[in-house]
Amino acid sequence: MERFRAIPLAYRALEAGGIMPAVYNGANEAAVDMFIKGMIRFTDIADRVERAMDSIPNAAVGSFEELLEYDAMARMAAVKG
């Protein structure tokens, strides 16, 4: 799985539950968008997702609006790198 680092990160998000699947998804979407635009290398995608997951503490999902806020935080964290 070292070759496909995003897969273990996805499992980590699923096992953690709470907001982590949304954090993973938001960070991944932002990083992939940056890759498509030529802003980062393909190998940087998993790094950015992992840093976003590590920088946002897990929490229970309170509401849909709150989940969207965490998604936005994850996207910002991925862009910052």
Protein backbone atom coordinates (compact mmCIF):
# COMPACT_ATOMS: atom_id res chain seq x y z
CA MET A 1 0.00 0.00 0.00
CA GLU A 2 3.01 2.34 0.21
CA ARG A 3 2.66 2.88 -3.52
CA PHE A 4 -0.94 4.05 -3.12
CA ARG A 5 -0.73 6.15 0.04
CA ALA A 6 -4.23 7.57 -0.29
CA ILE A 7 -5.83 4.17 0.28
CA PRO A 8 -4.55 3.71 3.85
CA LEU A 9 -5.50 7.33 4.54
CA ALA A 10 -9.06 6.61 3.38
CA TYR A 11 -9.25 3.59 5.69
CA ARG A 12 -7.86 5.71 8.54
CA ALA A 13 -10.62 8.27 7.95
CA LEU A 14 -13.30 5.58 7.86
CA GLU A 15 -12.02 3.94 11.05
CA ALA A 16 -11.86 7.30 12.84
CA GLY A 17 -15.41 8.17 11.85
CA GLY A 18 -16.86 11.51 12.90
CA ILE A 19 -15.78 14.28 10.57
CA MET A 20 -12.66 12.50 9.25
CA PRO A 21 -14.26 11.04 6.11
CA ALA A 22 -15.38 14.56 5.15
CA VAL A 23 -11.95 15.95 5.96
CA TYR A 24 -10.32 13.27 3.80
CA ASN A 25 -12.73 13.92 0.94
CA GLY A 26 -12.43 17.71 1.03
CA ALA A 27 -8.65 17.66 1.24
CA ASN A 28 -8.41 15.06 -1.52
CA GLU A 29 -10.70 17.01 -3.85
CA ALA A 30 -8.71 20.20 -3.29
CA ALA A 31 -5.37 18.46 -3.80
CA VAL A 32 -6.53 16.69 -6.96
CA ASP A 33 -7.79 20.01 -8.31
CA MET A 34 -4.37 21.54 -7.65
CA PHE A 35 -2.70 18.63 -9.43
CA ILE A 36 -4.97 19.00 -12.47
CA LYS A 37 -4.09 22.70 -12.62
CA GLY A 38 -0.37 21.85 -12.54
CA MET A 39 0.18 23.43 -9.13
CA ILE A 40 1.46 20.29 -7.37
CA ARG A 41 2.89 16.91 -8.34
CA PHE A 42 0.77 13.77 -8.27
CA THR A 43 2.86 12.45 -5.39
CA ASP A 44 1.98 15.56 -3.34
CA ILE A 45 -1.73 14.69 -3.22
CA ALA A 46 -1.47 12.14 -0.40
CA ASP A 47 0.93 14.38 1.54
CA ARG A 48 -1.56 17.23 1.50
CA VAL A 49 -4.46 14.96 2.48
CA GLU A 50 -2.47 13.51 5.37
CA ARG A 51 -1.42 16.94 6.64
CA ALA A 52 -5.02 18.13 6.50
CA MET A 53 -6.19 15.07 8.44
CA ASP A 54 -3.45 15.58 11.02
CA SER A 55 -4.21 19.29 11.43
CA ILE A 56 -7.95 19.00 12.08
CA PRO A 57 -8.99 17.27 15.31
CA ASN A 58 -11.72 14.69 14.87
CA ALA A 59 -15.16 15.50 16.23
CA ALA A 60 -18.66 14.11 16.11
CA VAL A 61 -20.84 15.36 13.30
CA GLY A 62 -23.23 17.89 14.82
CA SER A 63 -25.07 19.10 11.76
CA PHE A 64 -24.80 19.20 7.99
CA GLU A 65 -23.72 22.84 8.13
CA GLU A 66 -20.97 21.96 10.60
CA LEU A 67 -19.81 19.16 8.31
CA LEU A 68 -19.57 21.66 5.44
CA GLU A 69 -17.42 23.90 7.66
CA TYR A 70 -15.00 21.04 8.31
CA ASP A 71 -14.96 20.25 4.60
CA ALA A 72 -13.97 23.86 3.89
CA MET A 73 -11.29 23.74 6.59
CA ALA A 74 -9.84 20.59 5.03
CA ARG A 75 -9.79 22.17 1.58
CA MET A 76 -7.96 25.22 2.95
CA ALA A 77 -5.47 23.01 4.79
CA ALA A 78 -4.76 21.04 1.60
CA VAL A 79 -4.22 24.22 -0.41
CA LYS A 80 -1.85 25.63 2.22
CA GLY A 81 0.04 22.34 2.22
